[in-house]
Amino acid sequence: MASEIKLQAWFTFLQAHDAATESLDAELRERAGLTLSDYEVLLHLERAAGTRLRMTDLAASVLLTASGTTRAVDRLERDGFVRRVPDPDDGRATFVALTAAGRRRFRAAAPVHLAGVRARFLDAITKRDAEALRAIAVKVLAANGRAERTL
């Protein structure tokens, strides 16, 4: 019985994640001209020292696969929002740097995204719900050999 409840919780969690990310992605595409993946890459670059990260560090920090990160960077570079810069200290490494146009696009998209997160997640749960969800997520991360990261 308990495992059925846990399996249903897992399945419902997957459905909720899918519904929220699908809605947020559609809204960002329509209102800001970015995918949710693109927004996440720009977010991490905006917060990085010097608004640039090594490609390997960017890939490790976003919630995308390595190939998904590469595709997002390719799109963003094509659109002029980021540029790849060789690492002068390590010829094998490449930095991804936020451009002025990328900063403007990110800053225009941020209020759209934050309003969407508020409407589709934050307003739907209580502070107590958030604390419980975070505690559960930390346990799941630990069970998968990962630690919680902050934004």
C-alpha atoms as a PDB file:
ATOM      1  CA  MET A   1       0.000   0.000   0.000  1.00  0.00           C
ATOM      2  CA  ALA A   2       2.694   2.515   0.973  1.00  0.00           C
ATOM      3  CA  SER A   3       4.658   1.825  -2.199  1.00  0.00           C
ATOM      4  CA  GLU A   4       1.509   2.496  -4.286  1.00  0.00           C
ATOM      5  CA  ILE A   5       1.135   5.868  -2.589  1.00  0.00           C
ATOM      6  CA  LYS A   6       4.809   6.634  -3.210  1.00  0.00           C
ATOM      7  CA  LEU A   7       4.580   5.576  -6.863  1.00  0.00           C
ATOM      8  CA  GLN A   8       1.500   7.759  -7.340  1.00  0.00           C
ATOM      9  CA  ALA A   9       3.357  10.666  -5.703  1.00  0.00           C
ATOM     10  CA  TRP A  10       6.240  10.111  -8.139  1.00  0.00           C
ATOM     11  CA  PHE A  11       3.898  10.010 -11.131  1.00  0.00           C
ATOM     12  CA  THR A  12       2.003  13.104  -9.977  1.00  0.00           C
ATOM     13  CA  PHE A  13       5.281  14.952  -9.384  1.00  0.00           C
ATOM     14  CA  LEU A  14       6.345  14.153 -12.978  1.00  0.00           C
ATOM     15  CA  GLN A  15       3.010  15.406 -14.297  1.00  0.00           C
ATOM     16  CA  ALA A  16       3.252  18.632 -12.281  1.00  0.00           C
ATOM     17  CA  HIS A  17       6.813  19.251 -13.439  1.00  0.00           C
ATOM     18  CA  ASP A  18       5.833  18.646 -17.062  1.00  0.00           C
ATOM     19  CA  ALA A  19       2.783  20.911 -16.840  1.00  0.00           C
ATOM     20  CA  ALA A  20       4.674  23.766 -15.181  1.00  0.00           C
ATOM     21  CA  THR A  21       7.725  23.658 -17.455  1.00  0.00           C
ATOM     22  CA  GLU A  22       5.574  23.333 -20.578  1.00  0.00           C
ATOM     23  CA  SER A  23       3.499  26.360 -19.557  1.00  0.00           C
ATOM     24  CA  LEU A  24       6.543  28.420 -18.579  1.00  0.00           C
ATOM     25  CA  ASP A  25       8.332  27.541 -21.820  1.00  0.00           C
ATOM     26  CA  ALA A  26       5.314  28.460 -23.967  1.00  0.00           C
ATOM     27  CA  GLU A  27       4.882  31.756 -22.150  1.00  0.00           C
ATOM     28  CA  LEU A  28       8.569  32.684 -22.470  1.00  0.00           C
ATOM     29  CA  ARG A  29       8.554  31.809 -26.178  1.00  0.00           C
ATOM     30  CA  GLU A  30       5.455  33.889 -26.822  1.00  0.00           C
ATOM     31  CA  ARG A  31       6.195  36.915 -24.634  1.00  0.00           C
ATOM     32  CA  ALA A  32      10.008  37.059 -24.557  1.00  0.00           C
ATOM     33  CA  GLY A  33      11.245  35.131 -27.596  1.00  0.00           C
ATOM     34  CA  LEU A  34      13.275  32.657 -25.508  1.00  0.00           C
ATOM     35  CA  THR A  35      12.896  29.017 -24.606  1.00  0.00           C
ATOM     36  CA  LEU A  36      13.006  28.046 -20.947  1.00  0.00           C
ATOM     37  CA  SER A  37      16.392  26.409 -21.629  1.00  0.00           C
ATOM     38  CA  ASP A  38      17.715  29.596 -23.222  1.00  0.00           C
ATOM     39  CA  TYR A  39      16.490  31.617 -20.251  1.00  0.00           C
ATOM     40  CA  GLU A  40      18.259  29.304 -17.827  1.00  0.00           C
ATOM     41  CA  VAL A  41      21.569  29.638 -19.698  1.00  0.00           C
ATOM     42  CA  LEU A  42      21.236  33.436 -19.709  1.00  0.00           C
ATOM     43  CA  LEU A  43      20.350  33.396 -15.992  1.00  0.00           C
ATOM     44  CA  HIS A  44      23.523  31.529 -15.067  1.00  0.00           C
ATOM     45  CA  LEU A  45      25.669  33.793 -17.251  1.00  0.00           C
ATOM     46  CA  GLU A  46      24.039  36.931 -15.828  1.00  0.00           C
ATOM     47  CA  ARG A  47      24.894  35.751 -12.295  1.00  0.00           C
ATOM     48  CA  ALA A  48      28.436  34.579 -13.103  1.00  0.00           C
ATOM     49  CA  ALA A  49      31.516  36.659 -12.311  1.00  0.00           C
ATOM     50  CA  GLY A  50      32.312  38.638 -15.433  1.00  0.00           C
ATOM     51  CA  THR A  51      29.053  37.336 -16.986  1.00  0.00           C
ATOM     52  CA  ARG A  52      30.923  34.389 -18.460  1.00  0.00           C
ATOM     53  CA  LEU A  53      31.475  30.740 -17.620  1.00  0.00           C
ATOM     54  CA  ARG A  54      33.559  27.955 -19.054  1.00  0.00           C
ATOM     55  CA  MET A  55      31.346  25.789 -21.214  1.00  0.00           C
ATOM     56  CA  THR A  56      31.962  22.821 -18.894  1.00  0.00           C
ATOM     57  CA  ASP A  57      30.961  24.864 -15.818  1.00  0.00           C
ATOM     58  CA  LEU A  58      27.866  26.189 -17.571  1.00  0.00           C
ATOM     59  CA  ALA A  59      26.833  22.651 -18.545  1.00  0.00           C
ATOM     60  CA  ALA A  60      27.312  21.518 -14.930  1.00  0.00           C
ATOM     61  CA  SER A  61      25.224  24.386 -13.547  1.00  0.00           C
ATOM     62  CA  VAL A  62      22.138  24.274 -15.780  1.00  0.00           C
ATOM     63  CA  LEU A  63      19.370  21.688 -15.647  1.00  0.00           C
ATOM     64  CA  LEU A  64      20.115  20.443 -19.160  1.00  0.00           C
ATOM     65  CA  THR A  65      22.109  17.608 -20.651  1.00  0.00           C
ATOM     66  CA  ALA A  66      25.515  18.451 -22.110  1.00  0.00           C
ATOM     67  CA  SER A  67      24.068  18.257 -25.624  1.00  0.00           C
ATOM     68  CA  GLY A  68      21.062  20.354 -24.559  1.00  0.00           C
ATOM     69  CA  THR A  69      23.435  22.991 -23.215  1.00  0.00           C
ATOM     70  CA  THR A  70      25.394  22.981 -26.477  1.00  0.00           C
ATOM     71  CA  ARG A  71      22.189  23.389 -28.508  1.00  0.00           C
ATOM     72  CA  ALA A  72      21.013  26.263 -26.286  1.00  0.00           C
ATOM     73  CA  VAL A  73      24.398  28.015 -26.558  1.00  0.00           C
ATOM     74  CA  ASP A  74      24.353  27.489 -30.340  1.00  0.00           C
ATOM     75  CA  ARG A  75      20.911  29.159 -30.585  1.00  0.00           C
ATOM     76  CA  LEU A  76      21.873  31.992 -28.261  1.00  0.00           C
ATOM     77  CA  GLU A  77      25.124  32.586 -30.136  1.00  0.00           C
ATOM     78  CA  ARG A  78      23.297  32.605 -33.490  1.00  0.00           C
ATOM     79  CA  ASP A  79      20.906  35.217 -32.057  1.00  0.00           C
ATOM     80  CA  GLY A  80      23.781  37.351 -30.720  1.00  0.00           C
ATOM     81  CA  PHE A  81      22.971  36.839 -27.034  1.00  0.00           C
ATOM     82  CA  VAL A  82      26.194  34.989 -26.139  1.00  0.00           C
ATOM     83  CA  ARG A  83      29.587  34.495 -27.695  1.00  0.00           C
ATOM     84  CA  ARG A  84      32.155  31.774 -27.335  1.00  0.00           C
ATOM     85  CA  VAL A  85      35.589  32.986 -26.268  1.00  0.00           C
ATOM     86  CA  PRO A  86      38.722  30.800 -26.157  1.00  0.00           C
ATOM     87  CA  ASP A  87      40.240  30.511 -22.688  1.00  0.00           C
ATOM     88  CA  PRO A  88      43.637  32.232 -22.951  1.00  0.00           C
ATOM     89  CA  ASP A  89      44.997  30.067 -20.114  1.00  0.00           C
ATOM     90  CA  ASP A  90      43.760  26.733 -21.481  1.00  0.00           C
ATOM     91  CA  GLY A  91      43.541  26.230 -25.236  1.00  0.00           C
ATOM     92  CA  ARG A  92      41.203  23.280 -24.753  1.00  0.00           C
ATOM     93  CA  ALA A  93      38.557  25.310 -22.898  1.00  0.00           C
ATOM     94  CA  THR A  94      35.991  27.789 -24.135  1.00  0.00           C
ATOM     95  CA  PHE A  95      34.124  30.469 -22.230  1.00  0.00           C
ATOM     96  CA  VAL A  96      30.531  31.376 -22.987  1.00  0.00           C
ATOM     97  CA  ALA A  97      30.093  35.114 -22.450  1.00  0.00           C
ATOM     98  CA  LEU A  98      26.885  37.097 -22.200  1.00  0.00           C
ATOM     99  CA  THR A  99      26.648  39.919 -24.751  1.00  0.00           C
ATOM    100  CA  ALA A 100      24.971  43.293 -24.180  1.00  0.00           C
ATOM    101  CA  ALA A 101      22.058  42.088 -26.334  1.00  0.00           C
ATOM    102  CA  GLY A 102      21.847  38.923 -24.229  1.00  0.00           C
ATOM    103  CA  ARG A 103      21.749  40.947 -21.026  1.00  0.00           C
ATOM    104  CA  ARG A 104      18.944  43.113 -22.418  1.00  0.00           C
ATOM    105  CA  ARG A 105      16.957  40.059 -23.559  1.00  0.00           C
ATOM    106  CA  PHE A 106      17.429  38.344 -20.194  1.00  0.00           C
ATOM    107  CA  ARG A 107      16.358  41.431 -18.263  1.00  0.00           C
ATOM    108  CA  ALA A 108      13.267  41.819 -20.451  1.00  0.00           C
ATOM    109  CA  ALA A 109      12.383  38.131 -20.016  1.00  0.00           C
ATOM    110  CA  ALA A 110      12.973  37.941 -16.242  1.00  0.00           C
ATOM    111  CA  PRO A 111       9.713  39.636 -15.175  1.00  0.00           C
ATOM    112  CA  VAL A 112       7.754  37.411 -17.579  1.00  0.00           C
ATOM    113  CA  HIS A 113       9.374  34.280 -16.181  1.00  0.00           C
ATOM    114  CA  LEU A 114       9.074  35.312 -12.535  1.00  0.00           C
ATOM    115  CA  ALA A 115       5.387  36.167 -12.972  1.00  0.00           C
ATOM    116  CA  GLY A 116       4.859  32.762 -14.581  1.00  0.00           C
ATOM    117  CA  VAL A 117       6.649  30.962 -11.739  1.00  0.00           C
ATOM    118  CA  ARG A 118       4.553  32.898  -9.245  1.00  0.00           C
ATOM    119  CA  ALA A 119       1.265  32.106 -10.991  1.00  0.00           C
ATOM    120  CA  ARG A 120       2.016  28.445 -11.733  1.00  0.00           C
ATOM    121  CA  PHE A 121       3.889  27.446  -8.584  1.00  0.00           C
ATOM    122  CA  LEU A 122       4.437  29.953  -5.776  1.00  0.00           C
ATOM    123  CA  ASP A 123       0.803  31.039  -5.477  1.00  0.00           C
ATOM    124  CA  ALA A 124      -0.362  27.403  -5.575  1.00  0.00           C
ATOM    125  CA  ILE A 125       1.531  26.361  -2.423  1.00  0.00           C
ATOM    126  CA  THR A 126       1.895  27.550   1.151  1.00  0.00           C
ATOM    127  CA  LYS A 127       5.134  28.305   2.952  1.00  0.00           C
ATOM    128  CA  ARG A 128       4.689  25.007   4.783  1.00  0.00           C
ATOM    129  CA  ASP A 129       4.231  23.184   1.459  1.00  0.00           C
ATOM    130  CA  ALA A 130       7.415  24.812   0.153  1.00  0.00           C
ATOM    131  CA  GLU A 131       9.383  23.739   3.224  1.00  0.00           C
ATOM    132  CA  ALA A 132       8.108  20.153   2.915  1.00  0.00           C
ATOM    133  CA  LEU A 133       8.799  20.037  -0.819  1.00  0.00           C
ATOM    134  CA  ARG A 134      12.318  21.355  -0.330  1.00  0.00           C
ATOM    135  CA  ALA A 135      12.987  18.774   2.405  1.00  0.00           C
ATOM    136  CA  ILE A 136      11.773  15.994   0.114  1.00  0.00           C
ATOM    137  CA  ALA A 137      13.839  17.294  -2.792  1.00  0.00           C
ATOM    138  CA  VAL A 138      16.983  17.403  -0.628  1.00  0.00           C
ATOM    139  CA  LYS A 139      16.398  13.747   0.339  1.00  0.00           C
ATOM    140  CA  VAL A 140      15.932  12.744  -3.304  1.00  0.00           C
ATOM    141  CA  LEU A 141      19.075  14.638  -4.302  1.00  0.00           C
ATOM    142  CA  ALA A 142      21.060  12.876  -1.563  1.00  0.00           C
ATOM    143  CA  ALA A 143      19.706   9.500  -2.672  1.00  0.00           C
ATOM    144  CA  ASN A 144      21.128  10.302  -6.114  1.00  0.00           C
ATOM    145  CA  GLY A 145      24.503  11.461  -4.847  1.00  0.00           C
ATOM    146  CA  ARG A 146      23.839  15.164  -5.316  1.00  0.00           C
ATOM    147  CA  ALA A 147      23.638  18.147  -3.045  1.00  0.00           C
ATOM    148  CA  GLU A 148      21.215  21.027  -3.198  1.00  0.00           C
ATOM    149  CA  ARG A 149      22.446  23.969  -5.264  1.00  0.00           C
ATOM    150  CA  THR A 150      21.269  27.522  -4.903  1.00  0.00           C
ATOM    151  CA  LEU A 151      20.361  29.907  -7.681  1.00  0.00           C
END
